[in-house]
């Protein structure tokens, strides 16, 4: 009986160790994915800000031209 218990204990310890290794691998993958998503999110934010700046610049450039055109028509 003791041999059966010791054998089962050894099996469970091996299974536990294997599970810990798999978990560590997945945690590393999750950390890498989180870092990648954070970088992508930052890039998206920068691009959105640049587009917003370009839109503001375009609006500023259009308004004076319209005002100048109206003045020459008067």
PDB file of N, CA and C in Angstrom:
ATOM      1  N   UNK A   1       0.821  -1.190   0.000  1.00  0.00           N
ATOM      2  CA  UNK A   1       0.000   0.000   0.000  1.00  0.00           C
ATOM      3  C   UNK A   1       0.867   1.258   0.000  1.00  0.00           C
ATOM      4  N   UNK A   2       1.932   1.210   0.800  1.00  0.00           N
ATOM      5  CA  UNK A   2       2.827   2.358   0.895  1.00  0.00           C
ATOM      6  C   UNK A   2       3.463   2.651  -0.460  1.00  0.00           C
ATOM      7  N   UNK A   3       3.826   1.610  -1.195  1.00  0.00           N
ATOM      8  CA  UNK A   3       4.438   1.799  -2.512  1.00  0.00           C
ATOM      9  C   UNK A   3       3.464   2.474  -3.474  1.00  0.00           C
ATOM     10  N   UNK A   4       2.198   2.093  -3.413  1.00  0.00           N
ATOM     11  CA  UNK A   4       1.176   2.712  -4.269  1.00  0.00           C
ATOM     12  C   UNK A   4       1.060   4.204  -3.962  1.00  0.00           C
ATOM     13  N   UNK A   5       1.036   4.522  -2.685  1.00  0.00           N
ATOM     14  CA  UNK A   5       0.910   5.926  -2.278  1.00  0.00           C
ATOM     15  C   UNK A   5       2.124   6.740  -2.715  1.00  0.00           C
ATOM     16  N   UNK A   6       3.302   6.177  -2.543  1.00  0.00           N
ATOM     17  CA  UNK A   6       4.524   6.868  -2.938  1.00  0.00           C
ATOM     18  C   UNK A   6       4.575   7.056  -4.459  1.00  0.00           C
ATOM     19  N   UNK A   7       4.118   6.037  -5.184  1.00  0.00           N
ATOM     20  CA  UNK A   7       4.084   6.144  -6.649  1.00  0.00           C
ATOM     21  C   UNK A   7       3.111   7.237  -7.069  1.00  0.00           C
ATOM     22  N   UNK A   8       1.941   7.262  -6.458  1.00  0.00           N
ATOM     23  CA  UNK A   8       0.935   8.276  -6.802  1.00  0.00           C
ATOM     24  C   UNK A   8       1.445   9.674  -6.435  1.00  0.00           C
ATOM     25  N   UNK A   9       2.115   9.776  -5.294  1.00  0.00           N
ATOM     26  CA  UNK A   9       2.691  11.049  -4.875  1.00  0.00           C
ATOM     27  C   UNK A   9       3.711  11.541  -5.889  1.00  0.00           C
ATOM     28  N   UNK A  10       4.563  10.680  -6.359  1.00  0.00           N
ATOM     29  CA  UNK A  10       5.569  11.044  -7.362  1.00  0.00           C
ATOM     30  C   UNK A  10       4.894  11.479  -8.659  1.00  0.00           C
ATOM     31  N   UNK A  11       3.837  10.784  -9.072  1.00  0.00           N
ATOM     32  CA  UNK A  11       3.099  11.168 -10.290  1.00  0.00           C
ATOM     33  C   UNK A  11       2.490  12.548 -10.150  1.00  0.00           C
ATOM     34  N   UNK A  12       1.859  12.787  -9.004  1.00  0.00           N
ATOM     35  CA  UNK A  12       1.228  14.090  -8.779  1.00  0.00           C
ATOM     36  C   UNK A  12       2.256  15.224  -8.730  1.00  0.00           C
ATOM     37  N   UNK A  13       3.395  14.970  -8.103  1.00  0.00           N
ATOM     38  CA  UNK A  13       4.447  15.984  -8.057  1.00  0.00           C
ATOM     39  C   UNK A  13       4.956  16.305  -9.462  1.00  0.00           C
ATOM     40  N   UNK A  14       5.130  15.275 -10.283  1.00  0.00           N
ATOM     41  CA  UNK A  14       5.588  15.481 -11.656  1.00  0.00           C
ATOM     42  C   UNK A  14       4.545  16.254 -12.455  1.00  0.00           C
ATOM     43  N   UNK A  15       3.284  15.902 -12.279  1.00  0.00           N
ATOM     44  CA  UNK A  15       2.198  16.595 -12.979  1.00  0.00           C
ATOM     45  C   UNK A  15       2.116  18.053 -12.526  1.00  0.00           C
ATOM     46  N   UNK A  16       2.277  18.273 -11.235  1.00  0.00           N
ATOM     47  CA  UNK A  16       2.252  19.627 -10.682  1.00  0.00           C
ATOM     48  C   UNK A  16       3.385  20.472 -11.254  1.00  0.00           C
ATOM     49  N   UNK A  17       4.567  19.915 -11.292  1.00  0.00           N
ATOM     50  CA  UNK A  17       5.730  20.625 -11.833  1.00  0.00           C
ATOM     51  C   UNK A  17       5.524  20.957 -13.310  1.00  0.00           C
ATOM     52  N   UNK A  18       4.987  20.009 -14.054  1.00  0.00           N
ATOM     53  CA  UNK A  18       4.706  20.237 -15.468  1.00  0.00           C
ATOM     54  C   UNK A  18       3.685  21.367 -15.637  1.00  0.00           C
ATOM     55  N   UNK A  19       2.671  21.352 -14.806  1.00  0.00           N
ATOM     56  CA  UNK A  19       1.656  22.410 -14.856  1.00  0.00           C
ATOM     57  C   UNK A  19       2.240  23.770 -14.534  1.00  0.00           C
ATOM     58  N   UNK A  20       3.152  23.823 -13.572  1.00  0.00           N
ATOM     59  CA  UNK A  20       3.790  25.089 -13.232  1.00  0.00           C
ATOM     60  C   UNK A  20       4.611  25.630 -14.399  1.00  0.00           C
ATOM     61  N   UNK A  21       5.270  24.742 -15.115  1.00  0.00           N
ATOM     62  CA  UNK A  21       6.064  25.183 -16.274  1.00  0.00           C
ATOM     63  C   UNK A  21       5.161  25.758 -17.353  1.00  0.00           C
ATOM     64  N   UNK A  22       4.055  25.060 -17.616  1.00  0.00           N
ATOM     65  CA  UNK A  22       3.114  25.544 -18.634  1.00  0.00           C
ATOM     66  C   UNK A  22       2.550  26.899 -18.222  1.00  0.00           C
ATOM     67  N   UNK A  23       2.200  27.028 -16.946  1.00  0.00           N
ATOM     68  CA  UNK A  23       1.655  28.292 -16.459  1.00  0.00           C
ATOM     69  C   UNK A  23       2.676  29.416 -16.615  1.00  0.00           C
ATOM     70  N   UNK A  24       3.923  29.148 -16.305  1.00  0.00           N
ATOM     71  CA  UNK A  24       4.971  30.161 -16.444  1.00  0.00           C
ATOM     72  C   UNK A  24       5.116  30.584 -17.907  1.00  0.00           C
ATOM     73  N   UNK A  25       5.026  29.630 -18.829  1.00  0.00           N
ATOM     74  CA  UNK A  25       5.112  29.951 -20.257  1.00  0.00           C
ATOM     75  C   UNK A  25       3.944  30.850 -20.675  1.00  0.00           C
ATOM     76  N   UNK A  26       2.740  30.513 -20.222  1.00  0.00           N
ATOM     77  CA  UNK A  26       1.576  31.330 -20.577  1.00  0.00           C
ATOM     78  C   UNK A  26       1.655  32.718 -19.945  1.00  0.00           C
ATOM     79  N   UNK A  27       2.143  32.799 -18.730  1.00  0.00           N
ATOM     80  CA  UNK A  27       2.285  34.107 -18.091  1.00  0.00           C
ATOM     81  C   UNK A  27       3.283  34.974 -18.848  1.00  0.00           C
ATOM     82  N   UNK A  28       4.342  34.371 -19.353  1.00  0.00           N
ATOM     83  CA  UNK A  28       5.318  35.117 -20.152  1.00  0.00           C
ATOM     84  C   UNK A  28       4.677  35.591 -21.451  1.00  0.00           C
ATOM     85  N   UNK A  29       3.876  34.720 -22.079  1.00  0.00           N
ATOM     86  CA  UNK A  29       3.189  35.116 -23.309  1.00  0.00           C
ATOM     87  C   UNK A  29       2.210  36.248 -23.051  1.00  0.00           C
ATOM     88  N   UNK A  30       1.492  36.169 -21.949  1.00  0.00           N
ATOM     89  CA  UNK A  30       0.541  37.228 -21.597  1.00  0.00           C
ATOM     90  C   UNK A  30       1.272  38.547 -21.375  1.00  0.00           C
ATOM     91  N   UNK A  31       2.404  38.500 -20.678  1.00  0.00           N
ATOM     92  CA  UNK A  31       3.184  39.712 -20.434  1.00  0.00           C
ATOM     93  C   UNK A  31       3.682  40.312 -21.750  1.00  0.00           C
ATOM     94  N   UNK A  32       4.162  39.465 -22.648  1.00  0.00           N
ATOM     95  CA  UNK A  32       4.623  39.951 -23.957  1.00  0.00           C
ATOM     96  C   UNK A  32       3.480  40.553 -24.753  1.00  0.00           C
ATOM     97  N   UNK A  33       2.331  39.896 -24.718  1.00  0.00           N
ATOM     98  CA  UNK A  33       1.169  40.407 -25.444  1.00  0.00           C
ATOM     99  C   UNK A  33       0.717  41.740 -24.852  1.00  0.00           C
ATOM    100  N   UNK A  34       0.731  41.844 -23.531  1.00  0.00           N
ATOM    101  CA  UNK A  34       0.344  43.092 -22.874  1.00  0.00           C
ATOM    102  C   UNK A  34       1.282  44.227 -23.295  1.00  0.00           C
ATOM    103  N   UNK A  35       2.579  43.948 -23.336  1.00  0.00           N
ATOM    104  CA  UNK A  35       3.554  44.960 -23.766  1.00  0.00           C
ATOM    105  C   UNK A  35       3.312  45.382 -25.211  1.00  0.00           C
ATOM    106  N   UNK A  36       3.040  44.400 -26.065  1.00  0.00           N
ATOM    107  CA  UNK A  36       2.781  44.700 -27.477  1.00  0.00           C
ATOM    108  C   UNK A  36       1.537  45.562 -27.622  1.00  0.00           C
ATOM    109  N   UNK A  37       0.473  45.204 -26.917  1.00  0.00           N
ATOM    110  CA  UNK A  37      -0.759  45.987 -26.993  1.00  0.00           C
ATOM    111  C   UNK A  37      -0.558  47.396 -26.447  1.00  0.00           C
ATOM    112  N   UNK A  38       0.259  47.526 -25.422  1.00  0.00           N
ATOM    113  CA  UNK A  38       0.551  48.847 -24.877  1.00  0.00           C
ATOM    114  C   UNK A  38       1.299  49.712 -25.895  1.00  0.00           C
ATOM    115  N   UNK A  39       2.272  49.114 -26.590  1.00  0.00           N
ATOM    116  CA  UNK A  39       2.998  49.856 -27.631  1.00  0.00           C
ATOM    117  C   UNK A  39       2.066  50.251 -28.772  1.00  0.00           C
ATOM    118  N   UNK A  40       1.195  49.329 -29.183  1.00  0.00           N
ATOM    119  CA  UNK A  40       0.251  49.623 -30.261  1.00  0.00           C
ATOM    120  C   UNK A  40      -0.702  50.736 -29.839  1.00  0.00           C
ATOM    121  N   UNK A  41      -1.170  50.664 -28.611  1.00  0.00           N
ATOM    122  CA  UNK A  41      -2.068  51.690 -28.088  1.00  0.00           C
ATOM    123  C   UNK A  41      -1.392  53.060 -28.102  1.00  0.00           C
ATOM    124  N   UNK A  42      -0.134  53.099 -27.702  1.00  0.00           N
ATOM    125  CA  UNK A  42       0.615  54.356 -27.728  1.00  0.00           C
ATOM    126  C   UNK A  42       0.774  54.890 -29.137  1.00  0.00           C
ATOM    127  N   UNK A  43       1.048  54.005 -30.076  1.00  0.00           N
ATOM    128  CA  UNK A  43       1.198  54.419 -31.475  1.00  0.00           C
ATOM    129  C   UNK A  43      -0.122  54.952 -32.014  1.00  0.00           C
ATOM    130  N   UNK A  44      -1.220  54.301 -31.662  1.00  0.00           N
ATOM    131  CA  UNK A  44      -2.545  54.770 -32.095  1.00  0.00           C
ATOM    132  C   UNK A  44      -2.799  56.169 -31.548  1.00  0.00           C
ATOM    133  N   UNK A  45      -2.508  56.371 -30.276  1.00  0.00           N
ATOM    134  CA  UNK A  45      -2.725  57.679 -29.655  1.00  0.00           C
ATOM    135  C   UNK A  45      -1.907  58.763 -30.350  1.00  0.00           C
ATOM    136  N   UNK A  46      -0.657  58.482 -30.631  1.00  0.00           N
ATOM    137  CA  UNK A  46       0.205  59.468 -31.299  1.00  0.00           C
ATOM    138  C   UNK A  46      -0.344  59.798 -32.683  1.00  0.00           C
ATOM    139  N   UNK A  47      -0.732  58.770 -33.439  1.00  0.00           N
ATOM    140  CA  UNK A  47      -1.259  59.011 -34.786  1.00  0.00           C
ATOM    141  C   UNK A  47      -2.563  59.801 -34.740  1.00  0.00           C
ATOM    142  N   UNK A  48      -3.420  59.493 -33.780  1.00  0.00           N
ATOM    143  CA  UNK A  48      -4.670  60.250 -33.660  1.00  0.00           C
ATOM    144  C   UNK A  48      -4.390  61.711 -33.319  1.00  0.00           C
ATOM    145  N   UNK A  49      -3.416  61.946 -32.448  1.00  0.00           N
ATOM    146  CA  UNK A  49      -3.056  63.324 -32.110  1.00  0.00           C
ATOM    147  C   UNK A  49      -2.490  64.058 -33.319  1.00  0.00           C
ATOM    148  N   UNK A  50      -1.651  63.386 -34.095  1.00  0.00           N
ATOM    149  CA  UNK A  50      -1.081  64.016 -35.285  1.00  0.00           C
ATOM    150  C   UNK A  50      -2.159  64.330 -36.317  1.00  0.00           C
ATOM    151  N   UNK A  51      -3.097  63.414 -36.499  1.00  0.00           N
ATOM    152  CA  UNK A  51      -4.197  63.660 -37.433  1.00  0.00           C
ATOM    153  C   UNK A  51      -5.031  64.838 -36.954  1.00  0.00           C
ATOM    154  N   UNK A  52      -5.284  64.898 -35.651  1.00  0.00           N
ATOM    155  CA  UNK A  52      -6.043  66.011 -35.086  1.00  0.00           C
ATOM    156  C   UNK A  52      -5.324  67.337 -35.326  1.00  0.00           C
ATOM    157  N   UNK A  53      -3.997  67.350 -35.138  1.00  0.00           N
ATOM    158  CA  UNK A  53      -3.217  68.561 -35.396  1.00  0.00           C
ATOM    159  C   UNK A  53      -3.303  68.961 -36.863  1.00  0.00           C
ATOM    160  N   UNK A  54      -3.199  67.972 -37.755  1.00  0.00           N
ATOM    161  CA  UNK A  54      -3.296  68.249 -39.193  1.00  0.00           C
ATOM    162  C   UNK A  54      -4.658  68.830 -39.540  1.00  0.00           C
ATOM    163  N   UNK A  55      -5.711  68.282 -38.940  1.00  0.00           N
ATOM    164  CA  UNK A  55      -7.062  68.793 -39.191  1.00  0.00           C
ATOM    165  C   UNK A  55      -7.192  70.229 -38.716  1.00  0.00           C
ATOM    166  N   UNK A  56      -6.619  70.548 -37.549  1.00  0.00           N
ATOM    167  CA  UNK A  56      -6.659  71.917 -37.040  1.00  0.00           C
ATOM    168  C   UNK A  56      -5.878  72.859 -37.954  1.00  0.00           C
ATOM    169  N   UNK A  57      -4.732  72.412 -38.441  1.00  0.00           N
ATOM    170  CA  UNK A  57      -3.920  73.217 -39.348  1.00  0.00           C
ATOM    171  C   UNK A  57      -4.681  73.464 -40.645  1.00  0.00           C
ATOM    172  N   UNK A  58      -5.339  72.417 -41.153  1.00  0.00           N
ATOM    173  CA  UNK A  58      -6.123  72.570 -42.378  1.00  0.00           C
ATOM    174  C   UNK A  58      -7.253  73.577 -42.186  1.00  0.00           C
ATOM    175  N   UNK A  59      -7.922  73.535 -41.029  1.00  0.00           N
ATOM    176  CA  UNK A  59      -9.017  74.472 -40.755  1.00  0.00           C
ATOM    177  C   UNK A  59      -8.482  75.901 -40.678  1.00  0.00           C
ATOM    178  N   UNK A  60      -7.331  76.078 -40.037  1.00  0.00           N
ATOM    179  CA  UNK A  60      -6.750  77.410 -39.914  1.00  0.00           C
ATOM    180  C   UNK A  60      -6.346  77.959 -41.276  1.00  0.00           C
ATOM    181  N   UNK A  61      -5.872  77.111 -42.154  1.00  0.00           N
ATOM    182  CA  UNK A  61      -5.452  77.550 -43.485  1.00  0.00           C
ATOM    183  C   UNK A  61      -6.635  77.869 -44.379  1.00  0.00           C
ATOM    184  N   UNK A  62      -7.757  77.197 -44.189  1.00  0.00           N
ATOM    185  CA  UNK A  62      -8.928  77.420 -45.036  1.00  0.00           C
ATOM    186  C   UNK A  62      -9.626  78.716 -44.652  1.00  0.00           C
ATOM    187  N   UNK A  63      -9.719  79.020 -43.413  1.00  0.00           N
ATOM    188  CA  UNK A  63     -10.452  80.202 -42.949  1.00  0.00           C
ATOM    189  C   UNK A  63      -9.845  81.494 -43.497  1.00  0.00           C
ATOM    190  N   UNK A  64      -8.543  81.740 -43.388  1.00  0.00           N
ATOM    191  CA  UNK A  64      -8.001  82.989 -43.929  1.00  0.00           C
ATOM    192  C   UNK A  64      -8.191  83.106 -45.437  1.00  0.00           C
ATOM    193  N   UNK A  65      -8.089  82.023 -46.147  1.00  0.00           N
ATOM    194  CA  UNK A  65      -8.272  82.077 -47.597  1.00  0.00           C
ATOM    195  C   UNK A  65      -9.697  82.476 -47.936  1.00  0.00           C
ATOM    196  N   UNK A  66     -10.658  81.970 -47.186  1.00  0.00           N
ATOM    197  CA  UNK A  66     -12.055  82.308 -47.421  1.00  0.00           C
ATOM    198  C   UNK A  66     -12.282  83.794 -47.109  1.00  0.00           C
ATOM    199  N   UNK A  67     -11.702  84.273 -46.043  1.00  0.00           N
ATOM    200  CA  UNK A  67     -11.845  85.679 -45.671  1.00  0.00           C
ATOM    201  C   UNK A  67     -11.206  86.548 -46.730  1.00  0.00           C
ATOM    202  N   UNK A  68     -10.024  86.207 -47.221  1.00  0.00           N
ATOM    203  CA  UNK A  68      -9.366  86.972 -48.259  1.00  0.00           C
ATOM    204  C   UNK A  68     -10.186  86.988 -49.540  1.00  0.00           C
ATOM    205  N   UNK A  69     -10.788  85.862 -49.882  1.00  0.00           N
ATOM    206  CA  UNK A  69     -11.619  85.798 -51.104  1.00  0.00           C
ATOM    207  C   UNK A  69     -12.829  86.706 -50.954  1.00  0.00           C
ATOM    208  N   UNK A  70     -13.408  86.751 -49.777  1.00  0.00           N
ATOM    209  CA  UNK A  70     -14.569  87.603 -49.563  1.00  0.00           C
ATOM    210  C   UNK A  70     -14.175  89.078 -49.658  1.00  0.00           C
ATOM    211  N   UNK A  71     -12.996  89.441 -49.169  1.00  0.00           N
ATOM    212  CA  UNK A  71     -12.547  90.820 -49.224  1.00  0.00           C
ATOM    213  C   UNK A  71     -12.318  91.275 -50.659  1.00  0.00           C
ATOM    214  N   UNK A  72     -11.803  90.413 -51.502  1.00  0.00           N
ATOM    215  CA  UNK A  72     -11.555  90.807 -52.887  1.00  0.00           C
ATOM    216  C   UNK A  72     -12.842  90.912 -53.669  1.00  0.00           C
ATOM    217  N   UNK A  73     -13.881  90.191 -53.246  1.00  0.00           N
ATOM    218  CA  UNK A  73     -15.175  90.272 -53.923  1.00  0.00           C
ATOM    219  C   UNK A  73     -15.938  91.535 -53.525  1.00  0.00           C
ATOM    220  N   UNK A  74     -15.573  92.146 -52.419  1.00  0.00           N
ATOM    221  CA  UNK A  74     -16.267  93.367 -51.955  1.00  0.00           C
ATOM    222  C   UNK A  74     -15.808  94.495 -52.768  1.00  0.00           C
TER     223      UNK A  74
END
